[in-house]
Amino acid sequence: MADEKKISPLSIIILVLFGVVIGLGCYSFIYAKGYSYMSDDPKACVNCHVMRDQMDTWQKGAHHHVAKCNDCHLPHNIVGKYAVKAMNGFAHSAAFTLQNFPDPIRIKDHSLNVVKNSCLSCHQPMIQAMVRPDEKHNENANCLHCHRGVGHVK
C-alpha cells in the first residue's frame, strides 16, 4: 500500500479558524463598502453616518468645486496617500466597530498636519510672499487658525 498522508485534527482546526477569519474579514469589507475607500469619491467618506455633517459642510464650503476629501486629507504623493489611507482606515474601522470615538468627531494631530501641508502645497504661489524661510514659518504655519471654516462651513 502507498503511504497515505493524513491531515491532523489540529491542522483542520487551524484551517477552519483561518477560513472563518478570512470570511468575516471579507464580509466586513463588503458590508462596510471598504472597496469605496480605494477611490477619490467623497461619498466614500459618508459610509459611516458620523461623517454626514462633514460632508454637508464641505458641500457648502469654498473648496467644494475644486477639492475633494482626499485632496485635503491625504498627502499628494502615492506612497503617502495610501499609507495614510491604510492608517486612517484601520483607526476608523476600530473606532466605529468599538464605538470608541468622540461625538462630534475631531481631527487628530497627524491628520491635521496632512491638511496643513495640503493647504501649503496648493496655495504655495499665493503664500510665497508671506512665508519667510529664514524664520521657519512653513513649519509653524497653521492656515486653519484663521481659515477654519474654509473646508467645512458650519
N, C-alpha and C. Protein backbone atom coordinates (compact mmCIF):
# COMPACT_ATOMS: atom_id res chain seq x y z
N MET A 1 0.83 -1.18 0.00
CA MET A 1 0.00 0.00 0.00
C MET A 1 0.87 1.24 0.00
N ALA A 2 0.38 2.24 -0.68
CA ALA A 2 1.08 3.51 -0.73
C ALA A 2 0.85 4.26 0.58
N ASP A 3 1.85 5.05 0.91
CA ASP A 3 1.70 5.86 2.12
C ASP A 3 0.63 6.93 1.90
N GLU A 4 -0.33 6.93 2.76
CA GLU A 4 -1.37 7.96 2.70
C GLU A 4 -1.07 9.01 3.75
N LYS A 5 -1.12 10.23 3.34
CA LYS A 5 -0.87 11.32 4.28
C LYS A 5 -2.19 11.68 4.95
N LYS A 6 -2.15 11.71 6.24
CA LYS A 6 -3.34 12.07 7.00
C LYS A 6 -3.21 13.51 7.48
N ILE A 7 -4.34 14.17 7.46
CA ILE A 7 -4.38 15.54 7.97
C ILE A 7 -4.73 15.47 9.45
N SER A 8 -3.91 16.09 10.25
CA SER A 8 -4.14 16.03 11.69
C SER A 8 -5.34 16.90 12.08
N PRO A 9 -5.99 16.55 13.17
CA PRO A 9 -7.13 17.36 13.64
C PRO A 9 -6.74 18.81 13.93
N LEU A 10 -5.52 19.02 14.41
CA LEU A 10 -5.05 20.38 14.68
C LEU A 10 -4.97 21.18 13.38
N SER A 11 -4.51 20.55 12.32
CA SER A 11 -4.44 21.22 11.01
C SER A 11 -5.83 21.62 10.53
N ILE A 12 -6.80 20.75 10.73
CA ILE A 12 -8.18 21.04 10.31
C ILE A 12 -8.72 22.22 11.10
N ILE A 13 -8.49 22.22 12.41
CA ILE A 13 -8.95 23.32 13.25
C ILE A 13 -8.33 24.64 12.82
N ILE A 14 -7.04 24.63 12.55
CA ILE A 14 -6.34 25.85 12.12
C ILE A 14 -6.89 26.33 10.79
N LEU A 15 -7.11 25.40 9.84
CA LEU A 15 -7.67 25.78 8.54
C LEU A 15 -9.08 26.35 8.67
N VAL A 16 -9.90 25.76 9.51
CA VAL A 16 -11.26 26.25 9.72
C VAL A 16 -11.23 27.65 10.35
N LEU A 17 -10.41 27.83 11.37
CA LEU A 17 -10.30 29.15 12.01
C LEU A 17 -9.78 30.20 11.02
N PHE A 18 -8.81 29.82 10.22
CA PHE A 18 -8.28 30.72 9.20
C PHE A 18 -9.38 31.09 8.21
N GLY A 19 -10.16 30.11 7.79
CA GLY A 19 -11.27 30.36 6.87
C GLY A 19 -12.33 31.27 7.46
N VAL A 20 -12.63 31.08 8.74
CA VAL A 20 -13.62 31.93 9.42
C VAL A 20 -13.11 33.38 9.49
N VAL A 21 -11.85 33.56 9.85
CA VAL A 21 -11.28 34.91 9.94
C VAL A 21 -11.30 35.57 8.56
N ILE A 22 -10.87 34.87 7.53
CA ILE A 22 -10.87 35.42 6.17
C ILE A 22 -12.30 35.72 5.73
N GLY A 23 -13.22 34.81 6.00
CA GLY A 23 -14.62 35.01 5.63
C GLY A 23 -15.23 36.22 6.31
N LEU A 24 -15.00 36.36 7.62
CA LEU A 24 -15.52 37.52 8.35
C LEU A 24 -14.89 38.82 7.86
N GLY A 25 -13.60 38.75 7.57
CA GLY A 25 -12.91 39.94 7.05
C GLY A 25 -13.49 40.37 5.71
N CYS A 26 -13.71 39.41 4.82
CA CYS A 26 -14.29 39.72 3.51
C CYS A 26 -15.71 40.25 3.64
N TYR A 27 -16.50 39.60 4.51
CA TYR A 27 -17.88 40.06 4.73
C TYR A 27 -17.89 41.48 5.26
N SER A 28 -17.03 41.77 6.24
CA SER A 28 -16.96 43.11 6.83
C SER A 28 -16.53 44.14 5.79
N PHE A 29 -15.55 43.77 4.98
CA PHE A 29 -15.05 44.67 3.94
C PHE A 29 -16.15 45.03 2.96
N ILE A 30 -16.93 44.03 2.56
CA ILE A 30 -18.02 44.27 1.61
C ILE A 30 -19.16 45.02 2.29
N TYR A 31 -19.54 44.61 3.50
CA TYR A 31 -20.63 45.26 4.23
C TYR A 31 -20.32 46.73 4.50
N ALA A 32 -19.08 47.03 4.85
CA ALA A 32 -18.66 48.40 5.16
C ALA A 32 -18.27 49.18 3.91
N LYS A 33 -18.44 48.57 2.74
CA LYS A 33 -18.09 49.21 1.47
C LYS A 33 -16.62 49.64 1.45
N GLY A 34 -15.76 48.78 1.96
CA GLY A 34 -14.33 49.07 2.03
C GLY A 34 -13.72 49.37 0.69
N TYR A 35 -14.23 48.75 -0.37
CA TYR A 35 -13.72 48.98 -1.72
C TYR A 35 -13.88 50.45 -2.13
N SER A 36 -14.88 51.14 -1.59
CA SER A 36 -15.10 52.53 -1.98
C SER A 36 -13.96 53.44 -1.51
N TYR A 37 -13.22 53.01 -0.48
CA TYR A 37 -12.12 53.82 0.03
C TYR A 37 -10.91 53.83 -0.90
N MET A 38 -10.93 52.98 -1.90
CA MET A 38 -9.85 52.96 -2.88
C MET A 38 -10.02 54.08 -3.92
N SER A 39 -11.18 54.71 -3.92
CA SER A 39 -11.48 55.76 -4.90
C SER A 39 -11.28 57.14 -4.29
N ASP A 40 -11.52 58.15 -5.10
CA ASP A 40 -11.48 59.54 -4.63
C ASP A 40 -12.89 60.10 -4.48
N ASP A 41 -13.89 59.24 -4.50
CA ASP A 41 -15.28 59.67 -4.41
C ASP A 41 -15.61 60.12 -2.98
N PRO A 42 -16.04 61.37 -2.80
CA PRO A 42 -16.39 61.86 -1.45
C PRO A 42 -17.49 61.04 -0.77
N LYS A 43 -18.30 60.34 -1.55
CA LYS A 43 -19.37 59.53 -0.95
C LYS A 43 -18.79 58.42 -0.07
N ALA A 44 -17.55 58.03 -0.34
CA ALA A 44 -16.91 57.01 0.50
C ALA A 44 -16.76 57.51 1.93
N CYS A 45 -16.60 58.80 2.08
CA CYS A 45 -16.40 59.37 3.41
C CYS A 45 -17.67 59.36 4.25
N VAL A 46 -18.83 59.22 3.63
CA VAL A 46 -20.07 59.19 4.40
C VAL A 46 -20.63 57.78 4.54
N ASN A 47 -19.81 56.77 4.27
CA ASN A 47 -20.24 55.40 4.54
C ASN A 47 -20.58 55.25 6.01
N CYS A 48 -19.87 55.98 6.85
CA CYS A 48 -20.16 55.98 8.28
C CYS A 48 -21.04 57.19 8.57
N HIS A 49 -22.13 56.96 9.24
CA HIS A 49 -23.10 58.03 9.45
C HIS A 49 -22.54 59.22 10.21
N VAL A 50 -21.49 59.04 10.99
CA VAL A 50 -20.95 60.16 11.77
C VAL A 50 -20.25 61.19 10.89
N MET A 51 -20.01 60.87 9.63
CA MET A 51 -19.34 61.81 8.73
C MET A 51 -20.33 62.67 7.94
N ARG A 52 -21.61 62.49 8.14
CA ARG A 52 -22.63 63.22 7.37
C ARG A 52 -22.47 64.73 7.55
N ASP A 53 -22.24 65.21 8.77
CA ASP A 53 -22.08 66.65 8.99
C ASP A 53 -20.87 67.19 8.23
N GLN A 54 -19.78 66.42 8.21
CA GLN A 54 -18.59 66.87 7.48
C GLN A 54 -18.88 66.95 5.98
N MET A 55 -19.61 66.01 5.45
CA MET A 55 -19.96 66.03 4.03
C MET A 55 -20.86 67.22 3.72
N ASP A 56 -21.87 67.44 4.56
CA ASP A 56 -22.80 68.55 4.35
C ASP A 56 -22.08 69.89 4.41
N THR A 57 -21.17 70.05 5.38
CA THR A 57 -20.47 71.33 5.50
C THR A 57 -19.43 71.51 4.39
N TRP A 58 -18.82 70.42 3.92
CA TRP A 58 -17.89 70.52 2.79
C TRP A 58 -18.63 70.99 1.53
N GLN A 59 -19.85 70.49 1.34
CA GLN A 59 -20.62 70.88 0.16
C GLN A 59 -20.96 72.36 0.17
N LYS A 60 -20.97 72.99 1.33
CA LYS A 60 -21.23 74.44 1.43
C LYS A 60 -19.92 75.24 1.40
N GLY A 61 -18.79 74.57 1.52
CA GLY A 61 -17.50 75.23 1.65
C GLY A 61 -16.97 75.79 0.34
N ALA A 62 -15.96 76.66 0.50
CA ALA A 62 -15.35 77.35 -0.63
C ALA A 62 -14.60 76.40 -1.57
N HIS A 63 -14.13 75.28 -1.08
CA HIS A 63 -13.33 74.37 -1.89
C HIS A 63 -14.15 73.26 -2.54
N HIS A 64 -15.44 73.25 -2.34
CA HIS A 64 -16.31 72.17 -2.84
C HIS A 64 -16.10 71.89 -4.33
N HIS A 65 -15.92 72.92 -5.12
CA HIS A 65 -15.82 72.73 -6.57
C HIS A 65 -14.39 72.48 -7.06
N VAL A 66 -13.42 72.60 -6.16
CA VAL A 66 -12.03 72.42 -6.59
C VAL A 66 -11.26 71.34 -5.84
N ALA A 67 -11.81 70.87 -4.72
CA ALA A 67 -11.09 69.87 -3.93
C ALA A 67 -12.06 68.87 -3.31
N LYS A 68 -11.67 67.61 -3.39
CA LYS A 68 -12.44 66.55 -2.74
C LYS A 68 -11.75 66.20 -1.43
N CYS A 69 -12.36 65.35 -0.67
CA CYS A 69 -11.84 64.96 0.65
C CYS A 69 -10.35 64.58 0.59
N ASN A 70 -10.01 63.71 -0.36
CA ASN A 70 -8.65 63.21 -0.45
C ASN A 70 -7.64 64.30 -0.82
N ASP A 71 -8.08 65.34 -1.51
CA ASP A 71 -7.17 66.42 -1.89
C ASP A 71 -6.63 67.15 -0.67
N CYS A 72 -7.44 67.25 0.38
CA CYS A 72 -7.02 67.95 1.59
C CYS A 72 -6.54 67.00 2.69
N HIS A 73 -7.16 65.84 2.79
CA HIS A 73 -6.93 64.96 3.92
C HIS A 73 -5.90 63.86 3.68
N LEU A 74 -5.31 63.82 2.48
CA LEU A 74 -4.27 62.83 2.19
C LEU A 74 -3.07 63.52 1.56
N PRO A 75 -1.86 62.98 1.81
CA PRO A 75 -0.67 63.54 1.16
C PRO A 75 -0.80 63.47 -0.36
N HIS A 76 -0.06 64.31 -1.05
CA HIS A 76 -0.16 64.39 -2.50
C HIS A 76 0.80 63.47 -3.24
N ASN A 77 1.43 62.53 -2.54
CA ASN A 77 2.27 61.54 -3.22
C ASN A 77 1.64 60.17 -3.02
N ILE A 78 1.87 59.26 -3.95
CA ILE A 78 1.18 57.98 -3.99
C ILE A 78 1.46 57.12 -2.76
N VAL A 79 2.70 57.08 -2.31
CA VAL A 79 3.03 56.25 -1.14
C VAL A 79 2.38 56.83 0.10
N GLY A 80 2.53 58.13 0.31
CA GLY A 80 1.92 58.78 1.47
C GLY A 80 0.41 58.67 1.46
N LYS A 81 -0.17 58.83 0.28
CA LYS A 81 -1.63 58.76 0.15
C LYS A 81 -2.16 57.43 0.66
N TYR A 82 -1.62 56.33 0.15
CA TYR A 82 -2.14 55.02 0.52
C TYR A 82 -1.68 54.59 1.91
N ALA A 83 -0.55 55.09 2.38
CA ALA A 83 -0.12 54.80 3.75
C ALA A 83 -1.09 55.46 4.74
N VAL A 84 -1.43 56.73 4.50
CA VAL A 84 -2.36 57.43 5.38
C VAL A 84 -3.76 56.85 5.25
N LYS A 85 -4.16 56.48 4.03
CA LYS A 85 -5.48 55.84 3.84
C LYS A 85 -5.55 54.56 4.66
N ALA A 86 -4.51 53.76 4.62
CA ALA A 86 -4.50 52.50 5.37
C ALA A 86 -4.52 52.76 6.88
N MET A 87 -3.70 53.69 7.32
CA MET A 87 -3.63 54.02 8.74
C MET A 87 -4.98 54.56 9.24
N ASN A 88 -5.55 55.51 8.49
CA ASN A 88 -6.85 56.07 8.87
C ASN A 88 -7.95 55.03 8.77
N GLY A 89 -7.91 54.22 7.74
CA GLY A 89 -8.93 53.18 7.56
C GLY A 89 -8.95 52.22 8.73
N PHE A 90 -7.77 51.80 9.18
CA PHE A 90 -7.70 50.90 10.32
C PHE A 90 -8.22 51.59 11.58
N ALA A 91 -7.77 52.84 11.81
CA ALA A 91 -8.21 53.57 13.00
C ALA A 91 -9.72 53.82 12.98
N HIS A 92 -10.24 54.19 11.81
CA HIS A 92 -11.68 54.45 11.71
C HIS A 92 -12.48 53.16 11.91
N SER A 93 -12.03 52.08 11.31
CA SER A 93 -12.72 50.80 11.46
C SER A 93 -12.76 50.38 12.93
N ALA A 94 -11.64 50.50 13.60
CA ALA A 94 -11.59 50.12 15.02
C ALA A 94 -12.50 51.03 15.84
N ALA A 95 -12.44 52.34 15.60
CA ALA A 95 -13.25 53.29 16.37
C ALA A 95 -14.75 53.04 16.17
N PHE A 96 -15.16 52.82 14.94
CA PHE A 96 -16.58 52.64 14.67
C PHE A 96 -17.07 51.26 15.12
N THR A 97 -16.21 50.25 15.01
CA THR A 97 -16.59 48.92 15.46
C THR A 97 -16.75 48.90 16.98
N LEU A 98 -15.82 49.54 17.67
CA LEU A 98 -15.84 49.56 19.13
C LEU A 98 -16.68 50.72 19.70
N GLN A 99 -17.21 51.56 18.80
CA GLN A 99 -17.97 52.75 19.20
C GLN A 99 -17.14 53.60 20.16
N ASN A 100 -15.87 53.79 19.79
CA ASN A 100 -14.91 54.49 20.63
C ASN A 100 -14.40 55.73 19.90
N PHE A 101 -15.30 56.71 19.68
CA PHE A 101 -14.90 57.94 19.02
C PHE A 101 -15.68 59.09 19.64
N PRO A 102 -15.07 60.29 19.63
CA PRO A 102 -15.78 61.44 20.22
C PRO A 102 -16.93 61.88 19.32
N ASP A 103 -17.94 62.44 19.92
CA ASP A 103 -19.06 62.98 19.16
C ASP A 103 -19.28 64.40 19.62
N PRO A 104 -19.03 65.41 18.80
CA PRO A 104 -18.68 65.31 17.39
C PRO A 104 -17.23 64.87 17.21
N ILE A 105 -16.97 64.28 16.04
CA ILE A 105 -15.62 63.79 15.80
C ILE A 105 -14.65 64.96 15.68
N ARG A 106 -13.41 64.71 15.98
CA ARG A 106 -12.36 65.72 15.93
C ARG A 106 -11.19 65.17 15.13
N ILE A 107 -10.54 66.05 14.40
CA ILE A 107 -9.37 65.65 13.62
C ILE A 107 -8.19 65.43 14.57
N LYS A 108 -7.41 64.39 14.30
CA LYS A 108 -6.23 64.09 15.12
C LYS A 108 -5.04 64.90 14.60
N ASP A 109 -4.03 65.04 15.45
CA ASP A 109 -2.86 65.86 15.11
C ASP A 109 -2.19 65.43 13.81
N HIS A 110 -2.01 64.13 13.62
CA HIS A 110 -1.35 63.65 12.39
C HIS A 110 -2.15 64.07 11.16
N SER A 111 -3.47 63.88 11.22
CA SER A 111 -4.32 64.25 10.09
C SER A 111 -4.35 65.76 9.89
N LEU A 112 -4.29 66.51 10.99
CA LEU A 112 -4.27 67.97 10.90
C LEU A 112 -3.00 68.44 10.19
N ASN A 113 -1.88 67.77 10.45
CA ASN A 113 -0.63 68.11 9.76
C ASN A 113 -0.73 67.83 8.27
N VAL A 114 -1.41 66.75 7.90
CA VAL A 114 -1.61 66.45 6.48
C VAL A 114 -2.43 67.56 5.83
N VAL A 115 -3.49 68.00 6.50
CA VAL A 115 -4.34 69.07 5.97
C VAL A 115 -3.53 70.35 5.82
N LYS A 116 -2.75 70.70 6.83
CA LYS A 116 -1.93 71.92 6.76
C LYS A 116 -0.96 71.85 5.58
N ASN A 117 -0.33 70.70 5.38
CA ASN A 117 0.60 70.54 4.25
C ASN A 117 -0.13 70.65 2.92
N SER A 118 -1.38 70.18 2.87
CA SER A 118 -2.17 70.30 1.64
C SER A 118 -2.47 71.76 1.35
N CYS A 119 -2.79 72.52 2.39
CA CYS A 119 -3.02 73.96 2.20
C CYS A 119 -1.78 74.62 1.60
N LEU A 120 -0.64 74.34 2.22
CA LEU A 120 0.62 74.93 1.76
C LEU A 120 0.96 74.48 0.35
N SER A 121 0.71 73.23 0.04
CA SER A 121 1.02 72.69 -1.28
C SER A 121 0.21 73.37 -2.37
N CYS A 122 -1.09 73.47 -2.16
CA CYS A 122 -1.97 74.04 -3.19
C CYS A 122 -1.86 75.56 -3.30
N HIS A 123 -1.59 76.20 -2.18
CA HIS A 123 -1.58 77.66 -2.16
C HIS A 123 -0.18 78.25 -2.11
N GLN A 124 0.84 77.46 -2.46
CA GLN A 124 2.23 77.93 -2.41
C GLN A 124 2.45 79.23 -3.17
N PRO A 125 1.96 79.37 -4.40
CA PRO A 125 2.20 80.63 -5.11
C PRO A 125 1.60 81.84 -4.37
N MET A 126 0.46 81.66 -3.75
CA MET A 126 -0.21 82.75 -3.05
C MET A 126 0.50 83.13 -1.76
N ILE A 127 1.00 82.14 -1.05
CA ILE A 127 1.58 82.41 0.26
C ILE A 127 3.09 82.63 0.24
N GLN A 128 3.68 82.48 -0.93
CA GLN A 128 5.13 82.60 -1.04
C GLN A 128 5.63 83.93 -0.49
N ALA A 129 4.90 84.99 -0.73
CA ALA A 129 5.32 86.31 -0.25
C ALA A 129 5.20 86.41 1.27
N MET A 130 4.30 85.65 1.86
CA MET A 130 4.11 85.71 3.31
C MET A 130 5.07 84.82 4.07
N VAL A 131 5.57 83.78 3.44
CA VAL A 131 6.42 82.80 4.10
C VAL A 131 7.87 83.23 4.02
N ARG A 132 8.52 83.29 5.16
CA ARG A 132 9.93 83.65 5.21
C ARG A 132 10.71 82.42 5.68
N PRO A 133 11.43 81.78 4.75
CA PRO A 133 12.15 80.55 5.10
C PRO A 133 13.12 80.72 6.25
N ASP A 134 13.70 81.92 6.39
CA ASP A 134 14.67 82.13 7.46
C ASP A 134 14.04 82.04 8.84
N GLU A 135 12.73 82.19 8.94
CA GLU A 135 12.05 82.11 10.24
C GLU A 135 11.33 80.78 10.42
N LYS A 136 11.53 79.86 9.51
CA LYS A 136 10.90 78.54 9.56
C LYS A 136 9.39 78.66 9.68
N HIS A 137 8.83 79.62 8.99
CA HIS A 137 7.39 79.86 9.04
C HIS A 137 6.60 78.66 8.53
N ASN A 138 7.14 77.98 7.53
CA ASN A 138 6.44 76.81 6.98
C ASN A 138 6.18 75.75 8.04
N GLU A 139 7.14 75.55 8.95
CA GLU A 139 6.98 74.51 9.96
C GLU A 139 5.88 74.85 10.95
N ASN A 140 5.65 76.12 11.19
CA ASN A 140 4.67 76.54 12.19
C ASN A 140 3.39 77.07 11.57
N ALA A 141 3.29 77.07 10.26
CA ALA A 141 2.10 77.62 9.61
C ALA A 141 0.86 76.85 10.02
N ASN A 142 -0.16 77.60 10.38
CA ASN A 142 -1.43 76.99 10.72
C ASN A 142 -2.52 77.76 9.99
N CYS A 143 -2.74 77.37 8.75
CA CYS A 143 -3.74 78.04 7.92
C CYS A 143 -5.12 78.00 8.57
N LEU A 144 -5.39 76.92 9.28
CA LEU A 144 -6.71 76.72 9.86
C LEU A 144 -6.97 77.63 11.07
N HIS A 145 -5.92 78.27 11.56
CA HIS A 145 -6.12 79.20 12.67
C HIS A 145 -7.07 80.33 12.24
N CYS A 146 -6.84 80.85 11.05
CA CYS A 146 -7.70 81.93 10.53
C CYS A 146 -8.75 81.43 9.54
N HIS A 147 -8.46 80.32 8.88
CA HIS A 147 -9.34 79.83 7.81
C HIS A 147 -10.04 78.52 8.21
N ARG A 148 -10.49 78.44 9.43
CA ARG A 148 -11.09 77.22 9.98
C ARG A 148 -12.29 76.74 9.17
N GLY A 149 -13.12 77.63 8.70
CA GLY A 149 -14.35 77.24 8.01
C GLY A 149 -14.21 77.05 6.51
N VAL A 150 -13.01 77.11 5.96
CA VAL A 150 -12.85 77.02 4.52
C VAL A 150 -13.29 75.67 3.97
N GLY A 151 -12.87 74.60 4.57
CA GLY A 151 -13.21 73.27 4.06
C GLY A 151 -14.57 72.79 4.47
N HIS A 152 -14.95 73.15 5.68
CA HIS A 152 -16.23 72.71 6.22
C HIS A 152 -16.93 73.89 6.88
N VAL A 153 -17.86 74.48 6.18
CA VAL A 153 -18.59 75.66 6.68
C VAL A 153 -19.72 75.19 7.60
N LYS A 154 -19.77 75.73 8.77
CA LYS A 154 -20.85 75.38 9.72
C LYS A 154 -22.02 76.31 9.57
